[in-house]
Amino acid sequence: MRKRLFAALMIALAVALMPALGHAVRPDELLADPKLEARARELSLKLRCLVCQNQSIDDSDAPLARDLRVLVRERLSAGDSDTQVLEFLVKRYGEFVLLTPPLKTSTILLWASPFVVLILAGGMLLMRARRRADAASSQSRALDADEVAKLSSILDKNSP
């Protein structure tokens, strides 16, 4: 029993540590100053790998991502602020290099589209629910006097 519990704890620990092991930053890229390295890692998480496009440069193994990580560390070592590093990279590669684009008039559609889709989907679901309710209510109503008379005449004609 103890061996199984120990094995389960070890597996849980390994699974918990996997995200930390998934970073693509190589030891030769790391800065000696822990504060600068922390800033570099924080910036790397905000920047998109231009090859992978769905990963940050911190997580990507692409050579271009490595070059960008090294460039970020060089700029930080030269004394640039986080904002200056981001501005330099945006000027060089465009806003696409940012994982989270800024809210501007040119990106308003990008930011608003999830809300528009949710509103449209909610409206469609509401219309569908109303149609089903109308269909159910029309099927379950009682026949009026004219309908009963018509039905009786049809049944009388068809009976022998």
C-alpha atoms as a PDB file:
ATOM      1  CA  MET A   1       0.000   0.000   0.000  1.00  0.00           C
ATOM      2  CA  ARG A   2       2.790   2.433   0.862  1.00  0.00           C
ATOM      3  CA  LYS A   3       4.605   1.683  -2.391  1.00  0.00           C
ATOM      4  CA  ARG A   4       1.494   2.498  -4.410  1.00  0.00           C
ATOM      5  CA  LEU A   5       0.929   5.724  -2.487  1.00  0.00           C
ATOM      6  CA  PHE A   6       4.565   6.708  -2.999  1.00  0.00           C
ATOM      7  CA  ALA A   7       4.344   5.912  -6.715  1.00  0.00           C
ATOM      8  CA  ALA A   8       1.139   7.948  -7.050  1.00  0.00           C
ATOM      9  CA  LEU A   9       2.766  10.909  -5.280  1.00  0.00           C
ATOM     10  CA  MET A  10       5.807  10.717  -7.549  1.00  0.00           C
ATOM     11  CA  ILE A  11       3.613  10.663 -10.652  1.00  0.00           C
ATOM     12  CA  ALA A  12       1.608  13.627  -9.354  1.00  0.00           C
ATOM     13  CA  LEU A  13       4.842  15.524  -8.670  1.00  0.00           C
ATOM     14  CA  ALA A  14       6.156  14.760 -12.161  1.00  0.00           C
ATOM     15  CA  VAL A  15       2.910  15.937 -13.752  1.00  0.00           C
ATOM     16  CA  ALA A  16       2.961  19.104 -11.648  1.00  0.00           C
ATOM     17  CA  LEU A  17       6.521  19.889 -12.718  1.00  0.00           C
ATOM     18  CA  MET A  18       5.987  19.222 -16.434  1.00  0.00           C
ATOM     19  CA  PRO A  19       4.987  22.792 -17.344  1.00  0.00           C
ATOM     20  CA  ALA A  20       8.206  24.079 -15.791  1.00  0.00           C
ATOM     21  CA  LEU A  21      10.205  21.630 -17.886  1.00  0.00           C
ATOM     22  CA  GLY A  22       8.435  22.625 -21.097  1.00  0.00           C
ATOM     23  CA  HIS A  23      10.238  25.942 -21.564  1.00  0.00           C
ATOM     24  CA  ALA A  24      12.533  26.113 -24.534  1.00  0.00           C
ATOM     25  CA  VAL A  25      15.006  28.505 -22.902  1.00  0.00           C
ATOM     26  CA  ARG A  26      18.458  26.982 -23.032  1.00  0.00           C
ATOM     27  CA  PRO A  27      20.983  27.310 -20.222  1.00  0.00           C
ATOM     28  CA  ASP A  28      23.381  29.291 -22.418  1.00  0.00           C
ATOM     29  CA  GLU A  29      20.697  31.971 -22.890  1.00  0.00           C
ATOM     30  CA  LEU A  30      20.108  32.599 -19.173  1.00  0.00           C
ATOM     31  CA  LEU A  31      21.297  35.839 -17.630  1.00  0.00           C
ATOM     32  CA  ALA A  32      23.457  35.835 -14.501  1.00  0.00           C
ATOM     33  CA  ASP A  33      21.285  38.443 -12.791  1.00  0.00           C
ATOM     34  CA  PRO A  34      18.101  36.735 -11.499  1.00  0.00           C
ATOM     35  CA  LYS A  35      16.069  39.964 -11.657  1.00  0.00           C
ATOM     36  CA  LEU A  36      16.983  40.574 -15.304  1.00  0.00           C
ATOM     37  CA  GLU A  37      16.296  36.914 -16.100  1.00  0.00           C
ATOM     38  CA  ALA A  38      12.860  37.164 -14.489  1.00  0.00           C
ATOM     39  CA  ARG A  39      12.099  40.265 -16.579  1.00  0.00           C
ATOM     40  CA  ALA A  40      13.322  38.482 -19.708  1.00  0.00           C
ATOM     41  CA  ARG A  41      11.085  35.480 -18.996  1.00  0.00           C
ATOM     42  CA  GLU A  42       8.114  37.764 -18.372  1.00  0.00           C
ATOM     43  CA  LEU A  43       8.708  39.572 -21.666  1.00  0.00           C
ATOM     44  CA  SER A  44       9.251  36.284 -23.506  1.00  0.00           C
ATOM     45  CA  LEU A  45       5.795  35.135 -22.426  1.00  0.00           C
ATOM     46  CA  LYS A  46       4.279  38.259 -24.030  1.00  0.00           C
ATOM     47  CA  LEU A  47       5.982  37.751 -27.393  1.00  0.00           C
ATOM     48  CA  ARG A  48       4.728  35.451 -30.152  1.00  0.00           C
ATOM     49  CA  CYS A  49       6.987  33.027 -31.947  1.00  0.00           C
ATOM     50  CA  LEU A  50       6.810  34.196 -35.557  1.00  0.00           C
ATOM     51  CA  VAL A  51       7.338  30.628 -36.795  1.00  0.00           C
ATOM     52  CA  CYS A  52       4.946  28.733 -34.491  1.00  0.00           C
ATOM     53  CA  GLN A  53       2.510  31.674 -34.160  1.00  0.00           C
ATOM     54  CA  ASN A  54       0.554  30.062 -31.345  1.00  0.00           C
ATOM     55  CA  GLN A  55       3.355  29.885 -28.813  1.00  0.00           C
ATOM     56  CA  SER A  56       5.352  32.408 -26.906  1.00  0.00           C
ATOM     57  CA  ILE A  57       9.043  32.638 -27.672  1.00  0.00           C
ATOM     58  CA  ASP A  58       9.619  31.258 -24.175  1.00  0.00           C
ATOM     59  CA  ASP A  59       7.924  27.979 -25.145  1.00  0.00           C
ATOM     60  CA  SER A  60       9.113  27.655 -28.747  1.00  0.00           C
ATOM     61  CA  ASP A  61      12.097  25.644 -29.958  1.00  0.00           C
ATOM     62  CA  ALA A  62      12.267  27.467 -33.305  1.00  0.00           C
ATOM     63  CA  PRO A  63      15.610  29.114 -34.144  1.00  0.00           C
ATOM     64  CA  LEU A  64      13.915  32.484 -34.671  1.00  0.00           C
ATOM     65  CA  ALA A  65      12.361  32.258 -31.200  1.00  0.00           C
ATOM     66  CA  ARG A  66      15.810  31.581 -29.765  1.00  0.00           C
ATOM     67  CA  ASP A  67      17.150  34.639 -31.598  1.00  0.00           C
ATOM     68  CA  LEU A  68      14.331  36.747 -30.171  1.00  0.00           C
ATOM     69  CA  ARG A  69      14.984  35.459 -26.637  1.00  0.00           C
ATOM     70  CA  VAL A  70      18.667  36.362 -27.009  1.00  0.00           C
ATOM     71  CA  LEU A  71      17.725  39.783 -28.411  1.00  0.00           C
ATOM     72  CA  VAL A  72      15.394  40.462 -25.464  1.00  0.00           C
ATOM     73  CA  ARG A  73      18.161  39.544 -23.032  1.00  0.00           C
ATOM     74  CA  GLU A  74      20.690  41.729 -24.882  1.00  0.00           C
ATOM     75  CA  ARG A  75      18.351  44.724 -24.776  1.00  0.00           C
ATOM     76  CA  LEU A  76      17.651  44.206 -21.064  1.00  0.00           C
ATOM     77  CA  SER A  77      21.376  43.856 -20.333  1.00  0.00           C
ATOM     78  CA  ALA A  78      21.964  47.112 -22.234  1.00  0.00           C
ATOM     79  CA  GLY A  79      19.616  48.853 -19.791  1.00  0.00           C
ATOM     80  CA  ASP A  80      16.380  49.073 -21.804  1.00  0.00           C
ATOM     81  CA  SER A  81      13.102  49.068 -19.926  1.00  0.00           C
ATOM     82  CA  ASP A  82      10.440  46.440 -20.634  1.00  0.00           C
ATOM     83  CA  THR A  83       8.449  49.001 -22.624  1.00  0.00           C
ATOM     84  CA  GLN A  84      11.489  49.946 -24.709  1.00  0.00           C
ATOM     85  CA  VAL A  85      12.178  46.289 -25.519  1.00  0.00           C
ATOM     86  CA  LEU A  86       8.574  45.726 -26.605  1.00  0.00           C
ATOM     87  CA  GLU A  87       8.540  48.931 -28.666  1.00  0.00           C
ATOM     88  CA  PHE A  88      11.791  47.903 -30.380  1.00  0.00           C
ATOM     89  CA  LEU A  89      10.402  44.495 -31.290  1.00  0.00           C
ATOM     90  CA  VAL A  90       7.065  45.917 -32.483  1.00  0.00           C
ATOM     91  CA  LYS A  91       8.894  48.472 -34.618  1.00  0.00           C
ATOM     92  CA  ARG A  92      11.064  45.714 -36.088  1.00  0.00           C
ATOM     93  CA  TYR A  93       8.483  42.904 -36.523  1.00  0.00           C
ATOM     94  CA  GLY A  94       5.100  44.640 -36.304  1.00  0.00           C
ATOM     95  CA  GLU A  95       2.311  44.207 -33.749  1.00  0.00           C
ATOM     96  CA  PHE A  96       1.950  40.562 -34.756  1.00  0.00           C
ATOM     97  CA  VAL A  97       4.919  39.788 -32.493  1.00  0.00           C
ATOM     98  CA  LEU A  98       2.744  40.557 -29.453  1.00  0.00           C
ATOM     99  CA  LEU A  99       0.699  37.614 -28.149  1.00  0.00           C
ATOM    100  CA  THR A 100      -1.947  40.027 -26.824  1.00  0.00           C
ATOM    101  CA  PRO A 101      -2.584  42.790 -29.347  1.00  0.00           C
ATOM    102  CA  PRO A 102      -3.291  46.271 -27.965  1.00  0.00           C
ATOM    103  CA  LEU A 103      -6.846  47.626 -27.989  1.00  0.00           C
ATOM    104  CA  LYS A 104      -6.943  50.143 -30.828  1.00  0.00           C
ATOM    105  CA  THR A 105      -9.341  51.049 -33.605  1.00  0.00           C
ATOM    106  CA  SER A 106      -7.512  48.680 -35.959  1.00  0.00           C
ATOM    107  CA  THR A 107      -7.929  45.761 -33.536  1.00  0.00           C
ATOM    108  CA  ILE A 108     -11.411  46.493 -32.196  1.00  0.00           C
ATOM    109  CA  LEU A 109     -12.958  43.794 -34.410  1.00  0.00           C
ATOM    110  CA  LEU A 110     -10.489  41.270 -33.020  1.00  0.00           C
ATOM    111  CA  TRP A 111     -11.384  42.172 -29.428  1.00  0.00           C
ATOM    112  CA  ALA A 112     -15.141  42.472 -30.024  1.00  0.00           C
ATOM    113  CA  SER A 113     -15.661  39.349 -32.142  1.00  0.00           C
ATOM    114  CA  PRO A 114     -15.994  36.892 -29.211  1.00  0.00           C
ATOM    115  CA  PHE A 115     -18.743  39.029 -27.684  1.00  0.00           C
ATOM    116  CA  VAL A 116     -20.510  39.401 -31.028  1.00  0.00           C
ATOM    117  CA  VAL A 117     -20.413  35.639 -31.547  1.00  0.00           C
ATOM    118  CA  LEU A 118     -21.808  35.045 -28.050  1.00  0.00           C
ATOM    119  CA  ILE A 119     -24.628  37.529 -28.600  1.00  0.00           C
ATOM    120  CA  LEU A 120     -25.501  36.007 -31.984  1.00  0.00           C
ATOM    121  CA  ALA A 121     -25.428  32.469 -30.580  1.00  0.00           C
ATOM    122  CA  GLY A 122     -27.614  33.510 -27.645  1.00  0.00           C
ATOM    123  CA  GLY A 123     -30.084  35.175 -30.012  1.00  0.00           C
ATOM    124  CA  MET A 124     -30.235  32.075 -32.194  1.00  0.00           C
ATOM    125  CA  LEU A 125     -30.818  29.833 -29.185  1.00  0.00           C
ATOM    126  CA  LEU A 126     -33.565  32.157 -27.937  1.00  0.00           C
ATOM    127  CA  MET A 127     -35.285  32.149 -31.348  1.00  0.00           C
ATOM    128  CA  ARG A 128     -35.058  28.362 -31.536  1.00  0.00           C
ATOM    129  CA  ALA A 129     -36.526  27.982 -28.046  1.00  0.00           C
ATOM    130  CA  ARG A 130     -39.405  30.308 -28.945  1.00  0.00           C
ATOM    131  CA  ARG A 131     -40.123  28.363 -32.153  1.00  0.00           C
ATOM    132  CA  ARG A 132     -40.190  25.101 -30.235  1.00  0.00           C
ATOM    133  CA  ALA A 133     -42.503  26.586 -27.626  1.00  0.00           C
ATOM    134  CA  ASP A 134     -44.815  27.940 -30.344  1.00  0.00           C
ATOM    135  CA  ALA A 135     -44.816  24.575 -32.137  1.00  0.00           C
ATOM    136  CA  ALA A 136     -45.553  22.720 -28.911  1.00  0.00           C
ATOM    137  CA  SER A 137     -48.388  25.068 -27.985  1.00  0.00           C
ATOM    138  CA  SER A 138     -49.972  24.870 -31.456  1.00  0.00           C
ATOM    139  CA  GLN A 139     -49.863  21.060 -31.393  1.00  0.00           C
ATOM    140  CA  SER A 140     -51.469  20.718 -28.003  1.00  0.00           C
ATOM    141  CA  ARG A 141     -54.415  23.110 -28.353  1.00  0.00           C
ATOM    142  CA  ALA A 142     -58.008  21.807 -28.539  1.00  0.00           C
ATOM    143  CA  LEU A 143     -60.037  21.859 -31.740  1.00  0.00           C
ATOM    144  CA  ASP A 144     -62.531  24.667 -32.157  1.00  0.00           C
ATOM    145  CA  ALA A 145     -66.138  24.094 -33.292  1.00  0.00           C
ATOM    146  CA  ASP A 146     -65.447  24.541 -37.050  1.00  0.00           C
ATOM    147  CA  GLU A 147     -62.548  22.083 -36.938  1.00  0.00           C
ATOM    148  CA  VAL A 148     -64.666  19.531 -35.078  1.00  0.00           C
ATOM    149  CA  ALA A 149     -67.430  19.860 -37.708  1.00  0.00           C
ATOM    150  CA  LYS A 150     -64.960  19.436 -40.595  1.00  0.00           C
ATOM    151  CA  LEU A 151     -63.391  16.420 -38.939  1.00  0.00           C
ATOM    152  CA  SER A 152     -66.808  14.852 -38.324  1.00  0.00           C
ATOM    153  CA  SER A 153     -67.841  15.319 -41.953  1.00  0.00           C
ATOM    154  CA  ILE A 154     -64.580  13.758 -43.197  1.00  0.00           C
ATOM    155  CA  LEU A 155     -64.968  10.810 -40.854  1.00  0.00           C
ATOM    156  CA  ASP A 156     -68.637  10.361 -41.877  1.00  0.00           C
ATOM    157  CA  LYS A 157     -67.705  10.273 -45.566  1.00  0.00           C
ATOM    158  CA  ASN A 158     -65.010   7.660 -45.001  1.00  0.00           C
ATOM    159  CA  SER A 159     -67.058   5.334 -42.785  1.00  0.00           C
ATOM    160  CA  PRO A 160     -69.054   2.463 -44.518  1.00  0.00           C
END
